[in-house]
């Protein structure tokens, strides 16, 4: 179960990202969480949203749906079917993040954007301290982190997926502890 602090961090991430979601867009949120909170937040102005998470229960609302699905290989969507793909604090949980980035590129429309956040290596000791010593955030989530990325690491994977260098923007937020990457197809 998410702690109060986990929910605060999630809300901060969501608020940071919402301004990058255009009205009437089709959004795929990979690793949307149990309840699809980001899709709930943007549902008033998007055309359609679909979220995938291995911990979610299947759910359908008028403008979005959540599907229980573990993304190890193929995302069950058609090529070029999404305007936006989001992965908010998710990439670090994949053993093979290249696969999900390749799939994200595949399902994006030409001109569509991948928006992702992921903790930088600077965040690792802080997250582990909060999780294992202070028990203020979900230990299982932090224990499940397989990677921490610098922007250059994510950019290299995005190049391999098909994104062009001049279409990738990276930013840090929360005092260099988190990456925000926006890649346009």
N, C-alpha and C. Protein backbone atom coordinates (compact mmCIF):
# COMPACT_ATOMS: atom_id res chain seq x y z
N UNK A 1 0.83 -1.19 0.00
CA UNK A 1 0.00 0.00 0.00
C UNK A 1 0.87 1.25 0.00
N UNK A 2 0.48 2.23 -0.76
CA UNK A 2 1.25 3.46 -0.84
C UNK A 2 1.15 4.24 0.47
N UNK A 3 2.29 4.76 0.90
CA UNK A 3 2.33 5.59 2.10
C UNK A 3 1.88 7.01 1.73
N UNK A 4 1.70 7.81 2.74
CA UNK A 4 1.35 9.22 2.53
C UNK A 4 2.43 9.89 1.67
N UNK A 5 3.69 9.64 1.99
CA UNK A 5 4.80 10.26 1.25
C UNK A 5 4.85 9.76 -0.19
N UNK A 6 4.57 8.47 -0.43
CA UNK A 6 4.50 7.96 -1.80
C UNK A 6 3.45 8.73 -2.59
N UNK A 7 2.30 8.97 -1.98
CA UNK A 7 1.22 9.69 -2.65
C UNK A 7 1.61 11.13 -2.94
N UNK A 8 2.34 11.75 -2.02
CA UNK A 8 2.82 13.13 -2.23
C UNK A 8 3.77 13.17 -3.42
N UNK A 9 4.73 12.24 -3.47
CA UNK A 9 5.67 12.19 -4.60
C UNK A 9 4.94 11.96 -5.91
N UNK A 10 3.97 11.06 -5.91
CA UNK A 10 3.21 10.77 -7.13
C UNK A 10 2.46 12.02 -7.59
N UNK A 11 1.84 12.70 -6.67
CA UNK A 11 1.08 13.91 -7.01
C UNK A 11 1.99 15.00 -7.59
N UNK A 12 3.18 15.13 -7.00
CA UNK A 12 4.15 16.12 -7.51
C UNK A 12 4.56 15.77 -8.94
N UNK A 13 4.83 14.50 -9.20
CA UNK A 13 5.19 14.06 -10.56
C UNK A 13 4.04 14.35 -11.52
N UNK A 14 2.85 13.95 -11.13
CA UNK A 14 1.69 14.14 -12.00
C UNK A 14 1.48 15.62 -12.35
N UNK A 15 1.62 16.48 -11.37
CA UNK A 15 1.45 17.93 -11.62
C UNK A 15 2.53 18.46 -12.55
N UNK A 16 3.72 17.91 -12.46
CA UNK A 16 4.83 18.32 -13.33
C UNK A 16 4.54 17.94 -14.78
N UNK A 17 3.88 16.82 -14.99
CA UNK A 17 3.69 16.25 -16.32
C UNK A 17 2.41 16.74 -17.00
N UNK A 18 1.40 17.06 -16.25
CA UNK A 18 0.08 17.34 -16.83
C UNK A 18 0.12 18.44 -17.90
N UNK A 19 1.00 19.40 -17.74
CA UNK A 19 1.05 20.50 -18.72
C UNK A 19 1.55 20.06 -20.10
N UNK A 20 2.15 18.89 -20.18
CA UNK A 20 2.65 18.38 -21.45
C UNK A 20 1.62 17.52 -22.20
N UNK A 21 0.44 17.36 -21.62
CA UNK A 21 -0.59 16.51 -22.24
C UNK A 21 -1.56 17.40 -23.01
N UNK A 22 -1.56 17.31 -24.34
CA UNK A 22 -2.47 18.15 -25.13
C UNK A 22 -3.93 17.71 -24.99
N UNK A 23 -4.82 18.67 -25.15
CA UNK A 23 -6.25 18.35 -25.13
C UNK A 23 -6.58 17.41 -26.28
N UNK A 24 -7.60 16.59 -26.05
CA UNK A 24 -8.11 15.65 -27.06
C UNK A 24 -7.08 14.66 -27.56
N UNK A 25 -6.10 14.33 -26.72
CA UNK A 25 -5.08 13.36 -27.13
C UNK A 25 -5.44 11.96 -26.64
N UNK A 26 -4.86 10.97 -27.32
CA UNK A 26 -4.97 9.58 -26.90
C UNK A 26 -3.69 9.28 -26.10
N UNK A 27 -3.88 8.89 -24.84
CA UNK A 27 -2.77 8.72 -23.91
C UNK A 27 -2.68 7.27 -23.46
N UNK A 28 -1.47 6.72 -23.52
CA UNK A 28 -1.19 5.41 -22.95
C UNK A 28 -0.25 5.63 -21.77
N UNK A 29 -0.68 5.20 -20.59
CA UNK A 29 0.14 5.33 -19.38
C UNK A 29 0.65 3.95 -18.99
N UNK A 30 1.93 3.71 -19.25
CA UNK A 30 2.56 2.43 -18.95
C UNK A 30 3.01 2.45 -17.49
N UNK A 31 2.58 1.44 -16.74
CA UNK A 31 2.88 1.41 -15.31
C UNK A 31 2.02 2.41 -14.57
N UNK A 32 0.74 2.43 -14.89
CA UNK A 32 -0.19 3.45 -14.39
C UNK A 32 -0.51 3.33 -12.90
N UNK A 33 -0.07 2.24 -12.28
CA UNK A 33 -0.38 2.04 -10.87
C UNK A 33 -1.70 1.34 -10.67
N UNK A 34 -1.98 1.01 -9.45
CA UNK A 34 -3.20 0.24 -9.13
C UNK A 34 -4.48 0.95 -9.55
N UNK A 35 -4.49 2.28 -9.42
CA UNK A 35 -5.73 3.02 -9.63
C UNK A 35 -5.71 3.96 -10.83
N UNK A 36 -4.60 4.03 -11.53
CA UNK A 36 -4.54 4.90 -12.71
C UNK A 36 -4.74 6.36 -12.39
N UNK A 37 -4.10 6.84 -11.33
CA UNK A 37 -4.33 8.21 -10.86
C UNK A 37 -4.01 9.28 -11.89
N UNK A 38 -2.96 9.08 -12.68
CA UNK A 38 -2.63 10.09 -13.69
C UNK A 38 -3.73 10.18 -14.75
N UNK A 39 -4.22 9.04 -15.21
CA UNK A 39 -5.30 9.06 -16.20
C UNK A 39 -6.57 9.69 -15.62
N UNK A 40 -6.85 9.43 -14.36
CA UNK A 40 -7.99 10.09 -13.71
C UNK A 40 -7.81 11.60 -13.75
N UNK A 41 -6.58 12.04 -13.47
CA UNK A 41 -6.29 13.47 -13.40
C UNK A 41 -6.48 14.16 -14.76
N UNK A 42 -6.13 13.49 -15.85
CA UNK A 42 -6.20 14.12 -17.17
C UNK A 42 -7.48 13.76 -17.94
N UNK A 43 -8.32 12.92 -17.37
CA UNK A 43 -9.48 12.41 -18.11
C UNK A 43 -10.46 13.49 -18.55
N UNK A 44 -10.49 14.63 -17.88
CA UNK A 44 -11.42 15.69 -18.27
C UNK A 44 -11.10 16.32 -19.61
N UNK A 45 -9.82 16.24 -20.03
CA UNK A 45 -9.48 16.93 -21.27
C UNK A 45 -8.82 16.05 -22.34
N UNK A 46 -8.63 14.76 -22.07
CA UNK A 46 -8.09 13.89 -23.12
C UNK A 46 -9.23 13.26 -23.90
N UNK A 47 -8.90 12.75 -25.07
CA UNK A 47 -9.89 12.05 -25.88
C UNK A 47 -10.13 10.65 -25.33
N UNK A 48 -9.00 9.96 -25.03
CA UNK A 48 -9.08 8.59 -24.55
C UNK A 48 -7.77 8.27 -23.82
N UNK A 49 -7.87 7.44 -22.80
CA UNK A 49 -6.67 6.99 -22.10
C UNK A 49 -6.74 5.50 -21.82
N UNK A 50 -5.57 4.89 -21.86
CA UNK A 50 -5.47 3.48 -21.49
C UNK A 50 -4.22 3.31 -20.64
N UNK A 51 -4.40 2.64 -19.51
CA UNK A 51 -3.28 2.41 -18.62
C UNK A 51 -3.04 0.93 -18.43
N UNK A 52 -1.77 0.58 -18.32
CA UNK A 52 -1.36 -0.81 -18.09
C UNK A 52 -0.52 -0.88 -16.83
N UNK A 53 -0.84 -1.86 -15.99
CA UNK A 53 -0.02 -2.11 -14.81
C UNK A 53 -0.29 -3.53 -14.32
N UNK A 54 0.77 -4.21 -13.94
CA UNK A 54 0.61 -5.59 -13.47
C UNK A 54 -0.11 -5.67 -12.13
N UNK A 55 -0.19 -4.57 -11.39
CA UNK A 55 -0.85 -4.57 -10.08
C UNK A 55 -2.27 -4.03 -10.13
N UNK A 56 -2.69 -3.55 -11.27
CA UNK A 56 -4.01 -2.93 -11.40
C UNK A 56 -5.10 -3.99 -11.55
N UNK A 57 -6.30 -3.59 -11.24
CA UNK A 57 -7.48 -4.38 -11.55
C UNK A 57 -8.12 -3.75 -12.79
N UNK A 58 -8.67 -4.57 -13.66
CA UNK A 58 -9.33 -4.04 -14.85
C UNK A 58 -10.45 -3.09 -14.44
N UNK A 59 -10.50 -1.95 -15.12
CA UNK A 59 -11.46 -0.91 -14.78
C UNK A 59 -11.74 -0.10 -16.03
N UNK A 60 -12.98 0.31 -16.19
CA UNK A 60 -13.34 1.15 -17.34
C UNK A 60 -14.16 2.33 -16.85
N UNK A 61 -13.76 3.52 -17.28
CA UNK A 61 -14.48 4.76 -17.04
C UNK A 61 -14.84 5.34 -18.42
N UNK A 62 -15.65 6.38 -18.48
CA UNK A 62 -16.07 6.89 -19.79
C UNK A 62 -14.91 7.27 -20.73
N UNK A 63 -13.82 7.86 -20.22
CA UNK A 63 -12.75 8.32 -21.12
C UNK A 63 -11.42 7.60 -20.93
N UNK A 64 -11.38 6.63 -20.03
CA UNK A 64 -10.14 5.88 -19.87
C UNK A 64 -10.43 4.49 -19.32
N UNK A 65 -9.45 3.62 -19.52
CA UNK A 65 -9.55 2.28 -18.96
C UNK A 65 -8.19 1.85 -18.42
N UNK A 66 -8.24 0.99 -17.43
CA UNK A 66 -7.05 0.44 -16.80
C UNK A 66 -7.08 -1.07 -17.04
N UNK A 67 -5.94 -1.61 -17.46
CA UNK A 67 -5.86 -3.04 -17.71
C UNK A 67 -4.72 -3.64 -16.90
N UNK A 68 -5.01 -4.76 -16.27
CA UNK A 68 -3.97 -5.52 -15.58
C UNK A 68 -3.15 -6.23 -16.65
N UNK A 69 -1.90 -5.82 -16.77
CA UNK A 69 -1.07 -6.35 -17.84
C UNK A 69 0.40 -6.13 -17.48
N UNK A 70 1.18 -7.16 -17.61
CA UNK A 70 2.62 -7.07 -17.35
C UNK A 70 3.33 -6.87 -18.68
N UNK A 71 3.96 -5.74 -18.83
CA UNK A 71 4.62 -5.42 -20.09
C UNK A 71 6.04 -5.94 -20.06
N UNK A 72 6.21 -7.08 -20.68
CA UNK A 72 7.55 -7.66 -20.82
C UNK A 72 7.98 -7.64 -22.28
N UNK A 73 7.02 -7.67 -23.17
CA UNK A 73 7.33 -7.65 -24.59
C UNK A 73 6.41 -6.68 -25.32
N UNK A 74 5.33 -7.16 -25.89
CA UNK A 74 4.46 -6.33 -26.70
C UNK A 74 3.42 -5.59 -25.88
N UNK A 75 3.23 -4.31 -26.20
CA UNK A 75 2.12 -3.54 -25.65
C UNK A 75 0.93 -3.83 -26.56
N UNK A 76 -0.20 -4.24 -26.01
CA UNK A 76 -1.33 -4.66 -26.85
C UNK A 76 -2.11 -3.49 -27.46
N UNK A 77 -1.40 -2.67 -28.23
CA UNK A 77 -2.00 -1.56 -28.96
C UNK A 77 -1.44 -1.56 -30.38
N UNK A 78 -2.18 -0.97 -31.30
CA UNK A 78 -1.76 -0.92 -32.69
C UNK A 78 -0.64 0.09 -32.89
N UNK A 79 0.14 -0.12 -33.93
CA UNK A 79 1.19 0.83 -34.32
C UNK A 79 0.57 2.21 -34.52
N UNK A 80 1.26 3.25 -34.04
CA UNK A 80 0.83 4.62 -34.28
C UNK A 80 -0.53 4.97 -33.73
N UNK A 81 -0.93 4.35 -32.63
CA UNK A 81 -2.29 4.57 -32.10
C UNK A 81 -2.36 5.61 -30.98
N UNK A 82 -1.22 6.12 -30.50
CA UNK A 82 -1.23 7.03 -29.36
C UNK A 82 -0.56 8.37 -29.68
N UNK A 83 -1.13 9.43 -29.14
CA UNK A 83 -0.50 10.76 -29.23
C UNK A 83 0.58 10.91 -28.17
N UNK A 84 0.32 10.33 -27.01
CA UNK A 84 1.22 10.46 -25.85
C UNK A 84 1.38 9.10 -25.20
N UNK A 85 2.61 8.78 -24.83
CA UNK A 85 2.89 7.62 -23.97
C UNK A 85 3.59 8.18 -22.74
N UNK A 86 3.07 7.83 -21.57
CA UNK A 86 3.71 8.26 -20.33
C UNK A 86 4.23 7.04 -19.57
N UNK A 87 5.34 7.24 -18.92
CA UNK A 87 5.93 6.27 -17.99
C UNK A 87 6.46 7.09 -16.82
N UNK A 88 5.68 7.16 -15.77
CA UNK A 88 6.01 8.03 -14.65
C UNK A 88 6.53 7.19 -13.49
N UNK A 89 7.85 7.29 -13.26
CA UNK A 89 8.53 6.50 -12.22
C UNK A 89 8.33 5.00 -12.48
N UNK A 90 8.58 4.59 -13.71
CA UNK A 90 8.35 3.20 -14.12
C UNK A 90 9.59 2.56 -14.73
N UNK A 91 10.32 3.31 -15.56
CA UNK A 91 11.43 2.74 -16.32
C UNK A 91 12.43 2.00 -15.44
N UNK A 92 12.65 2.50 -14.24
CA UNK A 92 13.63 1.90 -13.32
C UNK A 92 13.22 0.51 -12.83
N UNK A 93 11.97 0.13 -13.05
CA UNK A 93 11.47 -1.17 -12.59
C UNK A 93 11.65 -2.29 -13.63
N UNK A 94 12.00 -1.94 -14.85
CA UNK A 94 12.14 -2.93 -15.91
C UNK A 94 13.53 -3.54 -15.95
N UNK A 95 13.59 -4.87 -16.05
CA UNK A 95 14.88 -5.55 -16.25
C UNK A 95 15.45 -5.22 -17.61
N UNK A 96 14.56 -5.09 -18.60
CA UNK A 96 14.98 -4.75 -19.95
C UNK A 96 14.21 -3.51 -20.41
N UNK A 97 14.63 -2.33 -19.98
CA UNK A 97 13.89 -1.12 -20.35
C UNK A 97 13.89 -0.84 -21.85
N UNK A 98 14.89 -1.36 -22.56
CA UNK A 98 14.95 -1.11 -24.01
C UNK A 98 13.70 -1.63 -24.71
N UNK A 99 13.21 -2.78 -24.28
CA UNK A 99 12.02 -3.38 -24.89
C UNK A 99 10.81 -2.47 -24.78
N UNK A 100 10.57 -1.93 -23.60
CA UNK A 100 9.39 -1.08 -23.41
C UNK A 100 9.56 0.25 -24.14
N UNK A 101 10.78 0.74 -24.27
CA UNK A 101 11.01 1.97 -25.04
C UNK A 101 10.78 1.72 -26.53
N UNK A 102 11.20 0.57 -27.02
CA UNK A 102 10.94 0.21 -28.41
C UNK A 102 9.44 0.14 -28.68
N UNK A 103 8.72 -0.47 -27.77
CA UNK A 103 7.27 -0.59 -27.91
C UNK A 103 6.59 0.78 -27.82
N UNK A 104 7.09 1.64 -26.96
CA UNK A 104 6.53 2.99 -26.85
C UNK A 104 6.68 3.73 -28.17
N UNK A 105 7.84 3.62 -28.80
CA UNK A 105 8.07 4.25 -30.10
C UNK A 105 7.08 3.68 -31.13
N UNK A 106 6.89 2.39 -31.10
CA UNK A 106 6.00 1.73 -32.06
C UNK A 106 4.57 2.23 -31.96
N UNK A 107 4.05 2.39 -30.75
CA UNK A 107 2.64 2.77 -30.60
C UNK A 107 2.39 4.27 -30.73
N UNK A 108 3.46 5.07 -30.74
CA UNK A 108 3.29 6.52 -30.91
C UNK A 108 2.99 6.87 -32.36
N UNK A 109 2.10 7.85 -32.54
CA UNK A 109 1.87 8.43 -33.86
C UNK A 109 3.07 9.29 -34.23
N UNK A 110 3.26 9.54 -35.50
CA UNK A 110 4.28 10.49 -35.95
C UNK A 110 3.96 11.85 -35.31
N UNK A 111 4.93 12.44 -34.65
CA UNK A 111 4.72 13.70 -33.93
C UNK A 111 4.27 13.50 -32.49
N UNK A 112 3.98 12.24 -32.11
CA UNK A 112 3.58 11.94 -30.74
C UNK A 112 4.77 12.03 -29.79
N UNK A 113 4.47 12.04 -28.49
CA UNK A 113 5.54 12.22 -27.51
C UNK A 113 5.52 11.13 -26.43
N UNK A 114 6.72 10.71 -26.10
CA UNK A 114 6.94 9.86 -24.93
C UNK A 114 7.38 10.79 -23.81
N UNK A 115 6.69 10.71 -22.69
CA UNK A 115 7.02 11.53 -21.52
C UNK A 115 7.30 10.57 -20.38
N UNK A 116 8.53 10.64 -19.86
CA UNK A 116 8.86 9.72 -18.78
C UNK A 116 9.63 10.43 -17.67
N UNK A 117 9.44 9.90 -16.48
CA UNK A 117 10.24 10.33 -15.33
C UNK A 117 10.92 9.09 -14.76
N UNK A 118 12.10 9.30 -14.22
CA UNK A 118 12.84 8.20 -13.63
C UNK A 118 13.87 8.79 -12.67
N UNK A 119 14.10 8.14 -11.53
CA UNK A 119 15.07 8.69 -10.60
C UNK A 119 16.50 8.61 -11.14
N UNK A 120 17.28 9.61 -10.82
CA UNK A 120 18.70 9.61 -11.19
C UNK A 120 19.47 8.82 -10.13
N UNK A 121 20.72 8.47 -10.40
CA UNK A 121 21.52 7.77 -9.40
C UNK A 121 21.66 8.54 -8.08
N UNK A 122 21.51 9.85 -8.12
CA UNK A 122 21.57 10.64 -6.90
C UNK A 122 20.42 10.32 -5.94
N UNK A 123 19.33 9.83 -6.48
CA UNK A 123 18.15 9.54 -5.67
C UNK A 123 18.27 8.22 -4.91
N UNK A 124 19.10 7.31 -5.39
CA UNK A 124 19.15 5.97 -4.83
C UNK A 124 19.38 5.96 -3.31
N UNK A 125 20.43 6.60 -2.78
CA UNK A 125 20.63 6.53 -1.32
C UNK A 125 19.50 7.19 -0.53
N UNK A 126 18.91 8.22 -1.09
CA UNK A 126 17.81 8.91 -0.39
C UNK A 126 16.57 8.03 -0.36
N UNK A 127 16.23 7.45 -1.50
CA UNK A 127 15.05 6.57 -1.55
C UNK A 127 15.24 5.35 -0.65
N UNK A 128 16.43 4.78 -0.67
CA UNK A 128 16.69 3.62 0.19
C UNK A 128 16.65 3.99 1.66
N UNK A 129 17.13 5.15 2.02
CA UNK A 129 17.06 5.61 3.41
C UNK A 129 15.60 5.80 3.84
N UNK A 130 14.81 6.47 2.97
CA UNK A 130 13.39 6.68 3.28
C UNK A 130 12.62 5.36 3.38
N UNK A 131 13.00 4.39 2.54
CA UNK A 131 12.27 3.12 2.50
C UNK A 131 12.71 2.16 3.59
N UNK A 132 14.02 1.95 3.72
CA UNK A 132 14.52 0.88 4.58
C UNK A 132 14.85 1.31 6.00
N UNK A 133 15.28 2.54 6.17
CA UNK A 133 15.63 3.02 7.52
C UNK A 133 14.45 3.70 8.20
N UNK A 134 13.86 4.66 7.48
CA UNK A 134 12.77 5.43 8.09
C UNK A 134 11.39 4.79 7.85
N UNK A 135 11.31 3.88 6.88
CA UNK A 135 10.05 3.21 6.53
C UNK A 135 8.92 4.20 6.20
N UNK A 136 9.30 5.26 5.48
CA UNK A 136 8.34 6.30 5.13
C UNK A 136 7.75 6.13 3.73
N UNK A 137 8.43 5.32 2.89
CA UNK A 137 7.90 5.03 1.56
C UNK A 137 7.92 3.51 1.36
N UNK A 138 7.22 3.06 0.35
CA UNK A 138 7.02 1.63 0.11
C UNK A 138 8.34 0.91 -0.18
N UNK A 139 8.75 0.05 0.71
CA UNK A 139 10.02 -0.68 0.56
C UNK A 139 10.00 -1.60 -0.65
N UNK A 140 8.86 -2.22 -0.92
CA UNK A 140 8.78 -3.14 -2.06
C UNK A 140 9.05 -2.43 -3.38
N UNK A 141 8.52 -1.23 -3.50
CA UNK A 141 8.74 -0.45 -4.73
C UNK A 141 10.21 -0.11 -4.91
N UNK A 142 10.87 0.31 -3.86
CA UNK A 142 12.28 0.69 -3.94
C UNK A 142 13.15 -0.55 -4.16
N UNK A 143 12.80 -1.62 -3.49
CA UNK A 143 13.55 -2.87 -3.67
C UNK A 143 13.43 -3.38 -5.11
N UNK A 144 12.34 -3.06 -5.77
CA UNK A 144 12.10 -3.49 -7.14
C UNK A 144 12.86 -2.65 -8.18
N UNK A 145 13.49 -1.55 -7.76
CA UNK A 145 14.26 -0.74 -8.71
C UNK A 145 15.44 -1.55 -9.24
N UNK A 146 15.50 -1.67 -10.53
CA UNK A 146 16.59 -2.42 -11.17
C UNK A 146 17.65 -1.49 -11.74
N UNK A 147 17.29 -0.23 -11.95
CA UNK A 147 18.18 0.76 -12.55
C UNK A 147 17.92 2.15 -12.00
N UNK A 148 18.94 2.96 -12.04
CA UNK A 148 18.83 4.41 -11.85
C UNK A 148 19.56 5.01 -13.03
N UNK A 149 18.99 6.03 -13.65
CA UNK A 149 19.50 6.51 -14.93
C UNK A 149 19.95 7.97 -14.89
N UNK A 150 21.04 8.23 -15.58
CA UNK A 150 21.41 9.60 -15.95
C UNK A 150 20.70 9.86 -17.28
N UNK A 151 20.46 11.13 -17.61
CA UNK A 151 19.79 11.42 -18.89
C UNK A 151 20.49 10.80 -20.10
N UNK A 152 21.81 10.77 -20.11
CA UNK A 152 22.53 10.20 -21.27
C UNK A 152 22.20 8.72 -21.45
N UNK A 153 21.98 8.01 -20.34
CA UNK A 153 21.63 6.59 -20.42
C UNK A 153 20.27 6.41 -21.09
N UNK A 154 19.32 7.23 -20.69
CA UNK A 154 17.97 7.15 -21.27
C UNK A 154 18.02 7.58 -22.74
N UNK A 155 18.76 8.64 -23.02
CA UNK A 155 18.88 9.11 -24.41
C UNK A 155 19.44 8.01 -25.31
N UNK A 156 20.46 7.31 -24.85
CA UNK A 156 21.04 6.23 -25.65
C UNK A 156 20.01 5.15 -25.96
N UNK A 157 19.19 4.80 -24.98
CA UNK A 157 18.15 3.81 -25.23
C UNK A 157 17.10 4.35 -26.20
N UNK A 158 16.78 5.65 -26.07
CA UNK A 158 15.80 6.25 -26.97
C UNK A 158 16.31 6.28 -28.41
N UNK A 159 17.61 6.55 -28.61
CA UNK A 159 18.20 6.50 -29.96
C UNK A 159 18.01 5.11 -30.55
N UNK A 160 18.29 4.10 -29.74
CA UNK A 160 18.15 2.71 -30.21
C UNK A 160 16.70 2.37 -30.56
N UNK A 161 15.76 3.06 -29.92
CA UNK A 161 14.34 2.83 -30.19
C UNK A 161 13.86 3.51 -31.46
N UNK A 162 14.61 4.50 -31.94
CA UNK A 162 14.22 5.20 -33.16
C UNK A 162 14.04 6.70 -33.01
N UNK A 163 14.06 7.21 -31.78
CA UNK A 163 13.94 8.65 -31.57
C UNK A 163 15.22 9.34 -32.05
N UNK A 164 15.08 10.54 -32.60
CA UNK A 164 16.22 11.31 -33.07
C UNK A 164 16.71 12.25 -31.97
N UNK A 165 18.02 12.48 -31.96
CA UNK A 165 18.65 13.27 -30.89
C UNK A 165 18.02 14.65 -30.71
N UNK A 166 17.75 15.33 -31.82
CA UNK A 166 17.20 16.69 -31.71
C UNK A 166 15.74 16.70 -31.27
N UNK A 167 15.11 15.53 -31.14
CA UNK A 167 13.72 15.43 -30.67
C UNK A 167 13.62 14.94 -29.23
N UNK A 168 14.74 14.94 -28.52
CA UNK A 168 14.74 14.49 -27.13
C UNK A 168 15.17 15.64 -26.22
N UNK A 169 14.33 15.97 -25.27
CA UNK A 169 14.64 17.01 -24.28
C UNK A 169 14.71 16.35 -22.91
N UNK A 170 15.69 16.76 -22.13
CA UNK A 170 15.76 16.23 -20.77
C UNK A 170 15.88 17.36 -19.77
N UNK A 171 15.25 17.14 -18.64
CA UNK A 171 15.24 18.10 -17.55
C UNK A 171 15.42 17.32 -16.25
N UNK A 172 15.95 17.99 -15.27
CA UNK A 172 15.97 17.43 -13.92
C UNK A 172 14.90 18.14 -13.12
N UNK A 173 14.36 17.47 -12.13
CA UNK A 173 13.49 18.13 -11.15
C UNK A 173 13.74 17.50 -9.79
N UNK A 174 13.23 18.13 -8.78
CA UNK A 174 13.46 17.70 -7.39
C UNK A 174 14.96 17.61 -7.09
N UNK A 175 15.65 18.73 -7.32
CA UNK A 175 17.07 18.86 -6.98
C UNK A 175 17.96 17.79 -7.63
N UNK A 176 17.76 17.55 -8.91
CA UNK A 176 18.54 16.59 -9.70
C UNK A 176 18.29 15.13 -9.31
N UNK A 177 17.28 14.88 -8.51
CA UNK A 177 16.98 13.51 -8.09
C UNK A 177 16.15 12.76 -9.12
N UNK A 178 15.47 13.48 -9.99
CA UNK A 178 14.61 12.85 -10.99
C UNK A 178 14.84 13.44 -12.37
N UNK A 179 14.73 12.56 -13.36
CA UNK A 179 14.80 12.93 -14.76
C UNK A 179 13.39 13.11 -15.30
N UNK A 180 13.22 14.09 -16.12
CA UNK A 180 12.03 14.25 -16.95
C UNK A 180 12.53 14.24 -18.39
N UNK A 181 12.10 13.28 -19.16
CA UNK A 181 12.52 13.16 -20.55
C UNK A 181 11.27 13.25 -21.43
N UNK A 182 11.36 14.09 -22.46
CA UNK A 182 10.28 14.20 -23.44
C UNK A 182 10.90 13.93 -24.81
N UNK A 183 10.43 12.88 -25.46
CA UNK A 183 10.96 12.48 -26.75
C UNK A 183 9.84 12.50 -27.78
N UNK A 184 10.04 13.24 -28.85
CA UNK A 184 9.03 13.35 -29.91
C UNK A 184 9.39 12.43 -31.06
N UNK A 185 8.40 11.70 -31.54
CA UNK A 185 8.62 10.76 -32.66
C UNK A 185 8.62 11.52 -33.99
